[in-house]
Amino acid sequence: MKPGKTHKASAKRFKVTATGRIFHRKAGYEHKRTKKRPQYKRAARKLVEVRGADKRMMRRLLQI
């Protein structure tokens, strides 16, 4: 990937805060949702911060 260009697919799926933290949605929320417990569904609606090596990759893709 050339430096200076934002990866548009990643930009649509990740949210960057003013302080530079990167958040994403939990996987599997929409799939077979009727069978899942309400506690899981509530927790899955919340955004989760990207951690570890993934954060480094996201910074590169989002040009932060």
N, C-alpha and C. Protein backbone atom coordinates (compact mmCIF):
# COMPACT_ATOMS: atom_id res chain seq x y z
N MET A 1 0.82 -1.19 0.00
CA MET A 1 0.00 0.00 0.00
C MET A 1 0.87 1.25 0.00
N LYS A 2 0.52 2.20 -0.83
CA LYS A 2 1.31 3.43 -0.90
C LYS A 2 1.06 4.30 0.32
N PRO A 3 2.08 4.93 0.84
CA PRO A 3 1.86 5.82 1.99
C PRO A 3 1.03 7.04 1.58
N GLY A 4 0.19 7.51 2.51
CA GLY A 4 -0.59 8.70 2.24
C GLY A 4 -2.02 8.44 1.80
N LYS A 5 -2.35 7.19 1.48
CA LYS A 5 -3.71 6.89 1.06
C LYS A 5 -4.44 6.10 2.15
N THR A 6 -5.64 6.54 2.48
CA THR A 6 -6.44 5.85 3.48
C THR A 6 -7.10 4.64 2.85
N HIS A 7 -7.12 3.52 3.58
CA HIS A 7 -7.79 2.32 3.13
C HIS A 7 -9.28 2.52 3.39
N LYS A 8 -10.06 2.75 2.34
CA LYS A 8 -11.45 3.18 2.47
C LYS A 8 -12.35 2.15 3.13
N ALA A 9 -12.12 0.86 2.89
CA ALA A 9 -12.94 -0.17 3.53
C ALA A 9 -12.74 -0.15 5.04
N SER A 10 -11.50 0.08 5.47
CA SER A 10 -11.21 0.17 6.91
C SER A 10 -11.81 1.43 7.51
N ALA A 11 -11.76 2.53 6.77
CA ALA A 11 -12.29 3.80 7.26
C ALA A 11 -13.79 3.70 7.54
N LYS A 12 -14.50 2.86 6.80
CA LYS A 12 -15.94 2.70 7.00
C LYS A 12 -16.25 1.84 8.22
N ARG A 13 -15.33 0.98 8.61
CA ARG A 13 -15.59 0.01 9.68
C ARG A 13 -15.02 0.39 11.04
N PHE A 14 -14.12 1.35 11.07
CA PHE A 14 -13.46 1.73 12.32
C PHE A 14 -13.69 3.20 12.62
N LYS A 15 -13.80 3.50 13.91
CA LYS A 15 -14.01 4.88 14.34
C LYS A 15 -12.77 5.34 15.09
N VAL A 16 -12.28 6.53 14.77
CA VAL A 16 -11.11 7.08 15.43
C VAL A 16 -11.56 8.27 16.28
N THR A 17 -11.18 8.27 17.55
CA THR A 17 -11.55 9.36 18.44
C THR A 17 -10.57 10.52 18.29
N ALA A 18 -10.88 11.63 18.93
CA ALA A 18 -10.03 12.81 18.86
C ALA A 18 -8.66 12.56 19.48
N THR A 19 -8.60 11.63 20.44
CA THR A 19 -7.33 11.32 21.10
C THR A 19 -6.54 10.24 20.36
N GLY A 20 -7.11 9.71 19.25
CA GLY A 20 -6.38 8.74 18.44
C GLY A 20 -6.68 7.28 18.75
N ARG A 21 -7.65 7.03 19.63
CA ARG A 21 -8.02 5.63 19.91
C ARG A 21 -8.90 5.11 18.79
N ILE A 22 -8.76 3.82 18.47
CA ILE A 22 -9.49 3.21 17.35
C ILE A 22 -10.48 2.20 17.91
N PHE A 23 -11.73 2.29 17.47
CA PHE A 23 -12.78 1.40 17.96
C PHE A 23 -13.42 0.64 16.81
N HIS A 24 -13.95 -0.56 17.12
CA HIS A 24 -14.65 -1.38 16.14
C HIS A 24 -15.84 -2.04 16.80
N ARG A 25 -16.73 -2.59 15.99
CA ARG A 25 -17.89 -3.31 16.51
C ARG A 25 -17.54 -4.77 16.69
N LYS A 26 -18.24 -5.45 17.58
CA LYS A 26 -18.00 -6.87 17.80
C LYS A 26 -18.54 -7.69 16.64
N ALA A 27 -17.87 -8.79 16.35
CA ALA A 27 -18.27 -9.65 15.24
C ALA A 27 -19.46 -10.53 15.63
N GLY A 28 -20.27 -10.91 14.65
CA GLY A 28 -21.34 -11.87 14.85
C GLY A 28 -22.61 -11.32 15.47
N TYR A 29 -22.77 -10.02 15.53
CA TYR A 29 -23.95 -9.44 16.19
C TYR A 29 -25.22 -9.70 15.39
N GLU A 30 -25.16 -9.57 14.09
CA GLU A 30 -26.36 -9.70 13.26
C GLU A 30 -26.74 -11.17 12.99
N HIS A 31 -25.80 -12.07 13.07
CA HIS A 31 -26.03 -13.47 12.67
C HIS A 31 -26.79 -14.24 13.73
N LYS A 32 -27.96 -14.76 13.38
CA LYS A 32 -28.81 -15.56 14.27
C LYS A 32 -29.05 -14.84 15.60
N ARG A 33 -29.44 -13.60 15.52
CA ARG A 33 -29.58 -12.76 16.71
C ARG A 33 -30.75 -13.19 17.60
N THR A 34 -31.78 -13.83 17.04
CA THR A 34 -32.95 -14.19 17.83
C THR A 34 -32.64 -15.25 18.89
N LYS A 35 -31.63 -16.07 18.65
CA LYS A 35 -31.30 -17.13 19.59
C LYS A 35 -30.34 -16.68 20.69
N LYS A 36 -29.78 -15.50 20.55
CA LYS A 36 -28.77 -15.06 21.51
C LYS A 36 -29.40 -14.39 22.72
N ARG A 37 -28.71 -14.47 23.85
CA ARG A 37 -29.20 -13.90 25.10
C ARG A 37 -29.16 -12.37 25.04
N PRO A 38 -30.12 -11.71 25.70
CA PRO A 38 -30.16 -10.25 25.70
C PRO A 38 -28.88 -9.62 26.25
N GLN A 39 -28.26 -10.26 27.23
CA GLN A 39 -27.02 -9.73 27.82
C GLN A 39 -25.92 -9.66 26.76
N TYR A 40 -25.83 -10.70 25.94
CA TYR A 40 -24.82 -10.72 24.89
C TYR A 40 -25.10 -9.65 23.85
N LYS A 41 -26.39 -9.52 23.49
CA LYS A 41 -26.76 -8.55 22.46
C LYS A 41 -26.49 -7.12 22.93
N ARG A 42 -26.75 -6.85 24.19
CA ARG A 42 -26.48 -5.51 24.75
C ARG A 42 -24.99 -5.23 24.72
N ALA A 43 -24.19 -6.20 25.14
CA ALA A 43 -22.73 -6.03 25.17
C ALA A 43 -22.16 -5.89 23.76
N ALA A 44 -22.75 -6.59 22.80
CA ALA A 44 -22.24 -6.58 21.43
C ALA A 44 -22.51 -5.25 20.72
N ARG A 45 -23.45 -4.46 21.24
CA ARG A 45 -23.75 -3.16 20.62
C ARG A 45 -22.67 -2.12 20.92
N LYS A 46 -21.91 -2.36 21.97
CA LYS A 46 -20.89 -1.39 22.38
C LYS A 46 -19.64 -1.53 21.52
N LEU A 47 -18.96 -0.42 21.33
CA LEU A 47 -17.72 -0.42 20.57
C LEU A 47 -16.58 -0.95 21.43
N VAL A 48 -15.61 -1.59 20.80
CA VAL A 48 -14.46 -2.16 21.49
C VAL A 48 -13.19 -1.54 20.92
N GLU A 49 -12.25 -1.23 21.79
CA GLU A 49 -11.01 -0.62 21.32
C GLU A 49 -10.09 -1.66 20.68
N VAL A 50 -9.43 -1.26 19.61
CA VAL A 50 -8.47 -2.12 18.93
C VAL A 50 -7.20 -2.16 19.78
N ARG A 51 -6.65 -3.35 20.01
CA ARG A 51 -5.49 -3.51 20.88
C ARG A 51 -4.35 -4.25 20.17
N GLY A 52 -3.18 -4.16 20.75
CA GLY A 52 -2.02 -4.95 20.33
C GLY A 52 -1.53 -4.66 18.92
N ALA A 53 -1.14 -5.72 18.24
CA ALA A 53 -0.57 -5.60 16.90
C ALA A 53 -1.61 -5.10 15.90
N ASP A 54 -2.89 -5.37 16.18
CA ASP A 54 -3.95 -4.90 15.28
C ASP A 54 -4.00 -3.38 15.24
N LYS A 55 -3.71 -2.75 16.37
CA LYS A 55 -3.74 -1.29 16.44
C LYS A 55 -2.68 -0.69 15.51
N ARG A 56 -1.53 -1.31 15.47
CA ARG A 56 -0.45 -0.85 14.59
C ARG A 56 -0.86 -0.95 13.13
N MET A 57 -1.50 -2.07 12.78
CA MET A 57 -1.98 -2.28 11.41
C MET A 57 -3.06 -1.26 11.05
N MET A 58 -3.98 -1.00 11.98
CA MET A 58 -5.06 -0.04 11.72
C MET A 58 -4.52 1.37 11.54
N ARG A 59 -3.51 1.73 12.32
CA ARG A 59 -2.90 3.06 12.18
C ARG A 59 -2.32 3.24 10.77
N ARG A 60 -1.75 2.16 10.24
CA ARG A 60 -1.18 2.21 8.91
C ARG A 60 -2.28 2.31 7.85
N LEU A 61 -3.34 1.53 8.02
CA LEU A 61 -4.43 1.54 7.04
C LEU A 61 -5.21 2.86 7.05
N LEU A 62 -5.39 3.43 8.24
CA LEU A 62 -6.18 4.66 8.36
C LEU A 62 -5.35 5.92 8.26
N GLN A 63 -4.03 5.77 8.12
CA GLN A 63 -3.11 6.90 8.00
C GLN A 63 -3.21 7.87 9.18
N ILE A 64 -3.08 7.31 10.38
CA ILE A 64 -3.13 8.13 11.60
C ILE A 64 -1.72 8.39 12.08
